[in-house]
Amino acid sequence: MSMDSCHLGRRAVLKVTALAVIGSIFTPLHAAALPAITVWKDPNCGCCGRWVEHLRRNGIAATVIDNADMQAIKTERRVPTELVSCHTGEIAGYTIEGHVPAAAILKLLAERPPGRGLAVPGMPVGSPGMEGGQPEAYDVMLFGSAAPTRFGRFLGEKQI
């Protein structure tokens, strides 16, 4: 092997190494550490699918289970009646009810407050999965350890 071909081989190795390092810099560090969410939804619900896509765009892997008996899931997960919405999820032992923004879920996982989960009651216009129309401000509620309390206030997917 000549010196030139050996030199080209080293250059190629250096280029590949540099690209790998650059690629790792731009990969979110938390992505590998995030647990996946399991989402139960009615098979005919479109907003639930849009909410799942919102989560995936924000680095949360999701497994979707279609279930026509959503009330049974909500009862099993002990979602308070006043906080019920259309779909229910489970991530890292927490229940996620309704159109909870990914930012709130990530905050929940980082802070690990006492409680069973987060909920966005109803289906607020502009919440993730309910885009369209004039967005309205809404509360994300922490529930389970005591009376539900505000965990965050949002407009669209942004905390306000």
N, C-alpha and C. Protein backbone atom coordinates (compact mmCIF):
# COMPACT_ATOMS: atom_id res chain seq x y z
N MET A 1 0.85 -1.17 0.00
CA MET A 1 0.00 0.00 0.00
C MET A 1 0.89 1.23 0.00
N SER A 2 0.63 2.16 -0.89
CA SER A 2 1.46 3.36 -0.97
C SER A 2 1.09 4.32 0.15
N MET A 3 1.96 5.29 0.37
CA MET A 3 1.74 6.29 1.40
C MET A 3 0.50 7.12 1.11
N ASP A 4 0.23 7.41 -0.22
CA ASP A 4 -0.94 8.21 -0.59
C ASP A 4 -2.24 7.48 -0.25
N SER A 5 -2.32 6.18 -0.54
CA SER A 5 -3.56 5.47 -0.25
C SER A 5 -3.75 5.31 1.26
N CYS A 6 -2.69 5.16 2.01
CA CYS A 6 -2.78 5.08 3.47
C CYS A 6 -3.25 6.43 4.01
N HIS A 7 -2.73 7.52 3.43
CA HIS A 7 -3.12 8.86 3.84
C HIS A 7 -4.60 9.12 3.54
N LEU A 8 -5.06 8.66 2.37
CA LEU A 8 -6.47 8.82 2.03
C LEU A 8 -7.34 8.01 2.98
N GLY A 9 -6.88 6.86 3.38
CA GLY A 9 -7.64 6.05 4.34
C GLY A 9 -7.78 6.77 5.67
N ARG A 10 -6.72 7.41 6.12
CA ARG A 10 -6.77 8.16 7.37
C ARG A 10 -7.73 9.34 7.24
N ARG A 11 -7.68 10.01 6.08
CA ARG A 11 -8.60 11.14 5.86
C ARG A 11 -10.05 10.67 5.92
N ALA A 12 -10.33 9.54 5.27
CA ALA A 12 -11.70 9.02 5.29
C ALA A 12 -12.14 8.68 6.71
N VAL A 13 -11.24 8.06 7.47
CA VAL A 13 -11.56 7.73 8.86
C VAL A 13 -11.81 9.00 9.67
N LEU A 14 -10.99 10.01 9.47
CA LEU A 14 -11.17 11.28 10.18
C LEU A 14 -12.48 11.95 9.80
N LYS A 15 -12.83 11.91 8.51
CA LYS A 15 -14.11 12.50 8.08
C LYS A 15 -15.29 11.78 8.70
N VAL A 16 -15.27 10.47 8.68
CA VAL A 16 -16.36 9.70 9.27
C VAL A 16 -16.46 9.98 10.77
N THR A 17 -15.32 10.03 11.45
CA THR A 17 -15.31 10.32 12.88
C THR A 17 -15.86 11.71 13.15
N ALA A 18 -15.46 12.68 12.36
CA ALA A 18 -15.94 14.05 12.54
C ALA A 18 -17.45 14.12 12.32
N LEU A 19 -17.95 13.45 11.29
CA LEU A 19 -19.40 13.44 11.05
C LEU A 19 -20.16 12.78 12.19
N ALA A 20 -19.59 11.72 12.75
CA ALA A 20 -20.25 11.05 13.87
C ALA A 20 -20.32 11.97 15.09
N VAL A 21 -19.23 12.68 15.36
CA VAL A 21 -19.21 13.61 16.50
C VAL A 21 -20.20 14.74 16.28
N ILE A 22 -20.22 15.30 15.08
CA ILE A 22 -21.15 16.39 14.77
C ILE A 22 -22.59 15.89 14.89
N GLY A 23 -22.86 14.70 14.38
CA GLY A 23 -24.20 14.14 14.47
C GLY A 23 -24.64 13.94 15.91
N SER A 24 -23.73 13.53 16.77
CA SER A 24 -24.10 13.32 18.17
C SER A 24 -24.38 14.64 18.89
N ILE A 25 -23.74 15.70 18.45
CA ILE A 25 -23.98 17.01 19.06
C ILE A 25 -25.41 17.46 18.78
N PHE A 26 -25.92 17.17 17.60
CA PHE A 26 -27.24 17.63 17.21
C PHE A 26 -28.35 16.65 17.58
N THR A 27 -28.02 15.51 18.17
CA THR A 27 -29.03 14.57 18.64
C THR A 27 -29.41 14.98 20.05
N PRO A 28 -30.70 15.14 20.33
CA PRO A 28 -31.09 15.53 21.68
C PRO A 28 -30.58 14.53 22.70
N LEU A 29 -29.90 15.03 23.72
CA LEU A 29 -29.31 14.17 24.73
C LEU A 29 -30.36 13.42 25.53
N HIS A 30 -31.53 14.02 25.71
CA HIS A 30 -32.56 13.40 26.52
C HIS A 30 -33.38 12.37 25.76
N ALA A 31 -33.28 12.33 24.45
CA ALA A 31 -34.15 11.46 23.65
C ALA A 31 -34.01 10.00 24.04
N ALA A 32 -32.80 9.54 24.25
CA ALA A 32 -32.59 8.14 24.58
C ALA A 32 -33.09 7.82 25.98
N ALA A 33 -33.13 8.82 26.86
CA ALA A 33 -33.50 8.59 28.25
C ALA A 33 -35.01 8.67 28.48
N LEU A 34 -35.76 9.17 27.50
CA LEU A 34 -37.20 9.34 27.70
C LEU A 34 -37.92 8.00 27.64
N PRO A 35 -38.80 7.75 28.62
CA PRO A 35 -39.63 6.54 28.52
C PRO A 35 -40.69 6.72 27.43
N ALA A 36 -41.20 5.65 26.93
CA ALA A 36 -42.27 5.70 25.93
C ALA A 36 -43.62 5.83 26.64
N ILE A 37 -44.59 6.34 25.92
CA ILE A 37 -45.94 6.46 26.44
C ILE A 37 -46.83 5.44 25.74
N THR A 38 -47.74 4.85 26.50
CA THR A 38 -48.79 4.01 25.93
C THR A 38 -50.05 4.85 25.93
N VAL A 39 -50.73 4.92 24.79
CA VAL A 39 -51.93 5.74 24.65
C VAL A 39 -53.11 4.85 24.26
N TRP A 40 -54.19 4.96 25.04
CA TRP A 40 -55.44 4.29 24.70
C TRP A 40 -56.36 5.33 24.11
N LYS A 41 -56.96 5.02 22.96
CA LYS A 41 -57.86 5.96 22.30
C LYS A 41 -58.96 5.21 21.58
N ASP A 42 -60.05 5.91 21.33
CA ASP A 42 -61.12 5.35 20.53
C ASP A 42 -60.61 5.21 19.10
N PRO A 43 -60.87 4.11 18.42
CA PRO A 43 -60.35 3.92 17.07
C PRO A 43 -60.86 4.94 16.05
N ASN A 44 -61.96 5.63 16.35
CA ASN A 44 -62.53 6.60 15.42
C ASN A 44 -62.16 8.05 15.72
N CYS A 45 -61.28 8.27 16.67
CA CYS A 45 -60.96 9.64 17.09
C CYS A 45 -59.74 10.18 16.34
N GLY A 46 -59.93 11.27 15.60
CA GLY A 46 -58.83 11.90 14.86
C GLY A 46 -57.96 12.79 15.72
N CYS A 47 -58.55 13.49 16.68
CA CYS A 47 -57.74 14.42 17.49
C CYS A 47 -56.73 13.66 18.33
N CYS A 48 -57.07 12.45 18.74
CA CYS A 48 -56.14 11.64 19.53
C CYS A 48 -54.89 11.31 18.72
N GLY A 49 -55.08 10.96 17.46
CA GLY A 49 -53.94 10.67 16.59
C GLY A 49 -53.06 11.89 16.38
N ARG A 50 -53.68 13.05 16.26
CA ARG A 50 -52.89 14.29 16.11
C ARG A 50 -52.11 14.60 17.38
N TRP A 51 -52.69 14.29 18.55
CA TRP A 51 -51.98 14.49 19.81
C TRP A 51 -50.75 13.57 19.89
N VAL A 52 -50.92 12.31 19.48
CA VAL A 52 -49.81 11.36 19.47
C VAL A 52 -48.70 11.87 18.56
N GLU A 53 -49.05 12.41 17.39
CA GLU A 53 -48.04 12.97 16.49
C GLU A 53 -47.31 14.14 17.14
N HIS A 54 -48.01 14.97 17.89
CA HIS A 54 -47.39 16.07 18.64
C HIS A 54 -46.34 15.51 19.60
N LEU A 55 -46.68 14.45 20.32
CA LEU A 55 -45.73 13.85 21.25
C LEU A 55 -44.50 13.35 20.52
N ARG A 56 -44.72 12.66 19.42
CA ARG A 56 -43.59 12.10 18.66
C ARG A 56 -42.69 13.20 18.10
N ARG A 57 -43.28 14.30 17.64
CA ARG A 57 -42.47 15.43 17.15
C ARG A 57 -41.62 16.02 18.27
N ASN A 58 -42.02 15.80 19.51
CA ASN A 58 -41.31 16.34 20.66
C ASN A 58 -40.47 15.29 21.38
N GLY A 59 -40.18 14.20 20.69
CA GLY A 59 -39.24 13.21 21.20
C GLY A 59 -39.80 12.13 22.11
N ILE A 60 -41.12 12.04 22.22
CA ILE A 60 -41.73 11.02 23.07
C ILE A 60 -42.27 9.90 22.18
N ALA A 61 -41.68 8.73 22.30
CA ALA A 61 -42.15 7.57 21.54
C ALA A 61 -43.50 7.13 22.09
N ALA A 62 -44.39 6.71 21.21
CA ALA A 62 -45.75 6.35 21.63
C ALA A 62 -46.20 5.05 20.99
N THR A 63 -46.85 4.23 21.81
CA THR A 63 -47.55 3.04 21.36
C THR A 63 -49.03 3.33 21.53
N VAL A 64 -49.81 3.12 20.47
CA VAL A 64 -51.24 3.41 20.50
C VAL A 64 -52.04 2.12 20.54
N ILE A 65 -53.01 2.08 21.46
CA ILE A 65 -53.91 0.94 21.58
C ILE A 65 -55.33 1.45 21.37
N ASP A 66 -55.97 1.00 20.30
CA ASP A 66 -57.37 1.37 20.05
C ASP A 66 -58.25 0.59 21.02
N ASN A 67 -59.20 1.32 21.64
CA ASN A 67 -60.09 0.71 22.61
C ASN A 67 -61.42 1.44 22.57
N ALA A 68 -62.46 0.73 22.25
CA ALA A 68 -63.79 1.35 22.16
C ALA A 68 -64.38 1.65 23.54
N ASP A 69 -63.89 0.98 24.59
CA ASP A 69 -64.40 1.21 25.95
C ASP A 69 -63.43 2.07 26.74
N MET A 70 -63.38 3.36 26.40
CA MET A 70 -62.45 4.26 27.07
C MET A 70 -62.81 4.49 28.53
N GLN A 71 -64.08 4.41 28.87
CA GLN A 71 -64.47 4.61 30.27
C GLN A 71 -63.80 3.59 31.18
N ALA A 72 -63.66 2.37 30.72
CA ALA A 72 -63.00 1.34 31.52
C ALA A 72 -61.53 1.70 31.78
N ILE A 73 -60.86 2.24 30.77
CA ILE A 73 -59.46 2.65 30.92
C ILE A 73 -59.37 3.78 31.95
N LYS A 74 -60.25 4.77 31.83
CA LYS A 74 -60.23 5.92 32.75
C LYS A 74 -60.50 5.48 34.19
N THR A 75 -61.42 4.52 34.37
CA THR A 75 -61.72 4.00 35.69
C THR A 75 -60.51 3.24 36.24
N GLU A 76 -59.92 2.41 35.41
CA GLU A 76 -58.73 1.64 35.82
C GLU A 76 -57.58 2.57 36.21
N ARG A 77 -57.39 3.65 35.48
CA ARG A 77 -56.29 4.59 35.74
C ARG A 77 -56.67 5.63 36.79
N ARG A 78 -57.89 5.55 37.32
CA ARG A 78 -58.41 6.44 38.38
C ARG A 78 -58.33 7.92 38.00
N VAL A 79 -58.82 8.22 36.81
CA VAL A 79 -58.90 9.60 36.35
C VAL A 79 -60.13 10.23 36.99
N PRO A 80 -59.98 11.35 37.72
CA PRO A 80 -61.15 12.00 38.31
C PRO A 80 -62.15 12.42 37.24
N THR A 81 -63.42 12.23 37.53
CA THR A 81 -64.50 12.51 36.58
C THR A 81 -64.41 13.92 36.02
N GLU A 82 -64.08 14.90 36.85
CA GLU A 82 -64.03 16.29 36.40
C GLU A 82 -62.84 16.59 35.48
N LEU A 83 -61.92 15.65 35.33
CA LEU A 83 -60.74 15.86 34.49
C LEU A 83 -60.75 15.03 33.21
N VAL A 84 -61.81 14.30 32.96
CA VAL A 84 -61.88 13.38 31.82
C VAL A 84 -61.82 14.13 30.48
N SER A 85 -61.14 13.49 29.54
CA SER A 85 -61.05 13.96 28.15
C SER A 85 -61.23 12.75 27.26
N CYS A 86 -60.67 12.80 26.05
CA CYS A 86 -60.96 11.71 25.11
C CYS A 86 -59.97 10.55 25.14
N HIS A 87 -58.69 10.77 25.36
CA HIS A 87 -57.72 9.67 25.35
C HIS A 87 -56.96 9.66 26.67
N THR A 88 -56.34 8.51 26.96
CA THR A 88 -55.63 8.32 28.21
C THR A 88 -54.29 7.67 27.90
N GLY A 89 -53.24 8.13 28.57
CA GLY A 89 -51.92 7.56 28.37
C GLY A 89 -51.28 7.17 29.69
N GLU A 90 -50.19 6.42 29.58
CA GLU A 90 -49.39 6.06 30.75
C GLU A 90 -47.93 6.17 30.36
N ILE A 91 -47.17 6.92 31.17
CA ILE A 91 -45.74 7.08 30.95
C ILE A 91 -45.04 7.10 32.31
N ALA A 92 -44.09 6.23 32.49
CA ALA A 92 -43.28 6.17 33.71
C ALA A 92 -44.14 6.10 34.97
N GLY A 93 -45.27 5.39 34.90
CA GLY A 93 -46.14 5.24 36.05
C GLY A 93 -47.16 6.35 36.22
N TYR A 94 -47.08 7.41 35.42
CA TYR A 94 -48.03 8.51 35.48
C TYR A 94 -49.12 8.32 34.43
N THR A 95 -50.34 8.76 34.76
CA THR A 95 -51.44 8.79 33.81
C THR A 95 -51.47 10.16 33.15
N ILE A 96 -51.67 10.17 31.85
CA ILE A 96 -51.80 11.42 31.10
C ILE A 96 -53.17 11.40 30.45
N GLU A 97 -54.03 12.34 30.84
CA GLU A 97 -55.41 12.37 30.36
C GLU A 97 -55.64 13.58 29.47
N GLY A 98 -56.03 13.32 28.24
CA GLY A 98 -56.40 14.40 27.34
C GLY A 98 -55.22 15.04 26.63
N HIS A 99 -55.45 16.26 26.19
CA HIS A 99 -54.52 16.97 25.28
C HIS A 99 -53.40 17.69 26.03
N VAL A 100 -52.68 16.95 26.85
CA VAL A 100 -51.57 17.49 27.64
C VAL A 100 -50.39 17.75 26.70
N PRO A 101 -49.85 18.97 26.70
CA PRO A 101 -48.70 19.27 25.83
C PRO A 101 -47.46 18.46 26.23
N ALA A 102 -46.63 18.14 25.25
CA ALA A 102 -45.39 17.41 25.50
C ALA A 102 -44.53 18.14 26.53
N ALA A 103 -44.50 19.48 26.48
CA ALA A 103 -43.68 20.25 27.43
C ALA A 103 -44.10 19.96 28.87
N ALA A 104 -45.39 19.81 29.12
CA ALA A 104 -45.86 19.50 30.48
C ALA A 104 -45.45 18.09 30.88
N ILE A 105 -45.51 17.15 29.94
CA ILE A 105 -45.11 15.77 30.24
C ILE A 105 -43.62 15.72 30.55
N LEU A 106 -42.81 16.43 29.77
CA LEU A 106 -41.37 16.45 30.02
C LEU A 106 -41.05 17.08 31.37
N LYS A 107 -41.78 18.12 31.74
CA LYS A 107 -41.61 18.76 33.06
C LYS A 107 -42.00 17.77 34.16
N LEU A 108 -43.10 17.04 33.97
CA LEU A 108 -43.54 16.04 34.93
C LEU A 108 -42.44 14.99 35.15
N LEU A 109 -41.86 14.50 34.06
CA LEU A 109 -40.82 13.48 34.16
C LEU A 109 -39.56 14.01 34.82
N ALA A 110 -39.26 15.29 34.60
CA ALA A 110 -38.07 15.89 35.21
C ALA A 110 -38.26 16.16 36.70
N GLU A 111 -39.45 16.62 37.07
CA GLU A 111 -39.69 17.03 38.46
C GLU A 111 -40.20 15.89 39.34
N ARG A 112 -40.92 14.94 38.76
CA ARG A 112 -41.48 13.79 39.49
C ARG A 112 -42.28 14.22 40.73
N PRO A 113 -43.27 15.09 40.57
CA PRO A 113 -44.06 15.50 41.73
C PRO A 113 -44.95 14.35 42.22
N PRO A 114 -45.34 14.38 43.50
CA PRO A 114 -46.26 13.34 43.96
C PRO A 114 -47.61 13.51 43.27
N GLY A 115 -48.20 12.42 42.89
CA GLY A 115 -49.48 12.44 42.20
C GLY A 115 -49.56 11.28 41.24
N ARG A 116 -50.74 11.11 40.65
CA ARG A 116 -50.92 10.01 39.69
C ARG A 116 -50.75 10.45 38.25
N GLY A 117 -50.92 11.75 37.98
CA GLY A 117 -50.77 12.15 36.59
C GLY A 117 -51.21 13.56 36.29
N LEU A 118 -51.27 13.84 34.98
CA LEU A 118 -51.66 15.14 34.47
C LEU A 118 -52.91 14.99 33.61
N ALA A 119 -53.71 16.06 33.59
CA ALA A 119 -54.91 16.04 32.75
C ALA A 119 -55.19 17.43 32.20
N VAL A 120 -55.73 17.45 30.99
CA VAL A 120 -56.34 18.64 30.41
C VAL A 120 -57.80 18.26 30.21
N PRO A 121 -58.67 18.76 31.10
CA PRO A 121 -60.08 18.38 30.98
C PRO A 121 -60.70 18.92 29.70
N GLY A 122 -61.63 18.16 29.16
CA GLY A 122 -62.32 18.59 27.94
C GLY A 122 -61.38 18.55 26.74
N MET A 123 -61.66 19.39 25.79
CA MET A 123 -60.87 19.43 24.55
C MET A 123 -60.67 20.89 24.13
N PRO A 124 -59.78 21.62 24.84
CA PRO A 124 -59.61 23.05 24.55
C PRO A 124 -59.12 23.31 23.13
N VAL A 125 -59.74 24.27 22.48
CA VAL A 125 -59.33 24.66 21.13
C VAL A 125 -57.89 25.18 21.18
N GLY A 126 -57.05 24.66 20.30
CA GLY A 126 -55.67 25.09 20.22
C GLY A 126 -54.70 24.21 20.98
N SER A 127 -55.22 23.33 21.85
CA SER A 127 -54.33 22.41 22.55
C SER A 127 -53.79 21.39 21.53
N PRO A 128 -52.66 20.73 21.83
CA PRO A 128 -52.11 19.76 20.88
C PRO A 128 -53.14 18.71 20.48
N GLY A 129 -53.36 18.59 19.18
CA GLY A 129 -54.36 17.69 18.63
C GLY A 129 -55.68 18.37 18.34
N MET A 130 -55.88 19.56 18.91
CA MET A 130 -57.12 20.32 18.73
C MET A 130 -56.84 21.66 18.04
N GLU A 131 -55.83 21.68 17.18
CA GLU A 131 -55.45 22.89 16.48
C GLU A 131 -56.58 23.33 15.54
N GLY A 132 -56.58 24.62 15.25
CA GLY A 132 -57.61 25.19 14.39
C GLY A 132 -58.50 26.09 15.22
N GLY A 133 -59.00 27.12 14.61
CA GLY A 133 -59.82 28.07 15.36
C GLY A 133 -58.96 28.97 16.23
N GLN A 134 -59.60 29.78 17.03
CA GLN A 134 -58.91 30.70 17.92
C GLN A 134 -58.48 29.95 19.18
N PRO A 135 -57.16 29.78 19.41
CA PRO A 135 -56.71 29.04 20.59
C PRO A 135 -57.18 29.70 21.88
N GLU A 136 -57.50 28.86 22.86
CA GLU A 136 -57.90 29.35 24.17
C GLU A 136 -56.88 28.88 25.21
N ALA A 137 -56.68 29.70 26.23
CA ALA A 137 -55.79 29.32 27.32
C ALA A 137 -56.45 28.19 28.12
N TYR A 138 -55.64 27.28 28.61
CA TYR A 138 -56.17 26.16 29.38
C TYR A 138 -55.15 25.73 30.43
N ASP A 139 -55.65 25.03 31.44
CA ASP A 139 -54.81 24.55 32.53
C ASP A 139 -54.49 23.07 32.35
N VAL A 140 -53.26 22.71 32.70
CA VAL A 140 -52.86 21.32 32.84
C VAL A 140 -52.90 21.06 34.34
N MET A 141 -53.66 20.05 34.73
CA MET A 141 -53.89 19.78 36.14
C MET A 141 -53.11 18.55 36.60
N LEU A 142 -52.47 18.66 37.77
CA LEU A 142 -51.82 17.54 38.43
C LEU A 142 -52.85 16.92 39.36
N PHE A 143 -53.05 15.62 39.28
CA PHE A 143 -54.04 14.97 40.13
C PHE A 143 -53.47 13.73 40.81
N GLY A 144 -54.13 13.35 41.91
CA GLY A 144 -53.82 12.06 42.51
C GLY A 144 -53.34 12.07 43.93
N SER A 145 -52.55 13.04 44.36
CA SER A 145 -52.07 13.00 45.74
C SER A 145 -53.00 13.79 46.67
N ALA A 146 -53.74 14.71 46.12
CA ALA A 146 -54.70 15.53 46.87
C ALA A 146 -55.70 16.05 45.84
N ALA A 147 -56.33 17.17 46.14
CA ALA A 147 -57.22 17.78 45.16
C ALA A 147 -56.39 18.20 43.95
N PRO A 148 -56.96 18.12 42.74
CA PRO A 148 -56.21 18.54 41.55
C PRO A 148 -55.71 19.98 41.69
N THR A 149 -54.47 20.20 41.25
CA THR A 149 -53.87 21.53 41.28
C THR A 149 -53.31 21.88 39.91
N ARG A 150 -53.20 23.17 39.63
CA ARG A 150 -52.66 23.62 38.35
C ARG A 150 -51.17 23.29 38.29
N PHE A 151 -50.78 22.58 37.24
CA PHE A 151 -49.39 22.23 36.99
C PHE A 151 -48.78 23.22 36.00
N GLY A 152 -49.63 23.82 35.17
CA GLY A 152 -49.18 24.80 34.20
C GLY A 152 -50.37 25.36 33.43
N ARG A 153 -50.17 26.54 32.88
CA ARG A 153 -51.20 27.16 32.04
C ARG A 153 -50.61 27.30 30.65
N PHE A 154 -51.39 26.95 29.63
CA PHE A 154 -50.88 26.88 28.26
C PHE A 154 -51.80 27.62 27.30
N LEU A 155 -51.20 28.06 26.21
CA LEU A 155 -51.90 28.55 25.04
C LEU A 155 -51.29 27.78 23.88
N GLY A 156 -52.08 26.94 23.24
CA GLY A 156 -51.50 26.02 22.26
C GLY A 156 -50.61 25.04 22.99
N GLU A 157 -49.40 24.84 22.48
CA GLU A 157 -48.47 23.94 23.15
C GLU A 157 -47.44 24.69 23.99
N LYS A 158 -47.60 26.00 24.13
CA LYS A 158 -46.64 26.82 24.86
C LYS A 158 -47.17 27.19 26.24
N GLN A 159 -46.30 27.06 27.24
CA GLN A 159 -46.68 27.47 28.58
C GLN A 159 -46.72 28.99 28.66
N ILE A 160 -47.73 29.52 29.35
CA ILE A 160 -47.85 30.98 29.51
C ILE A 160 -47.78 31.35 30.98
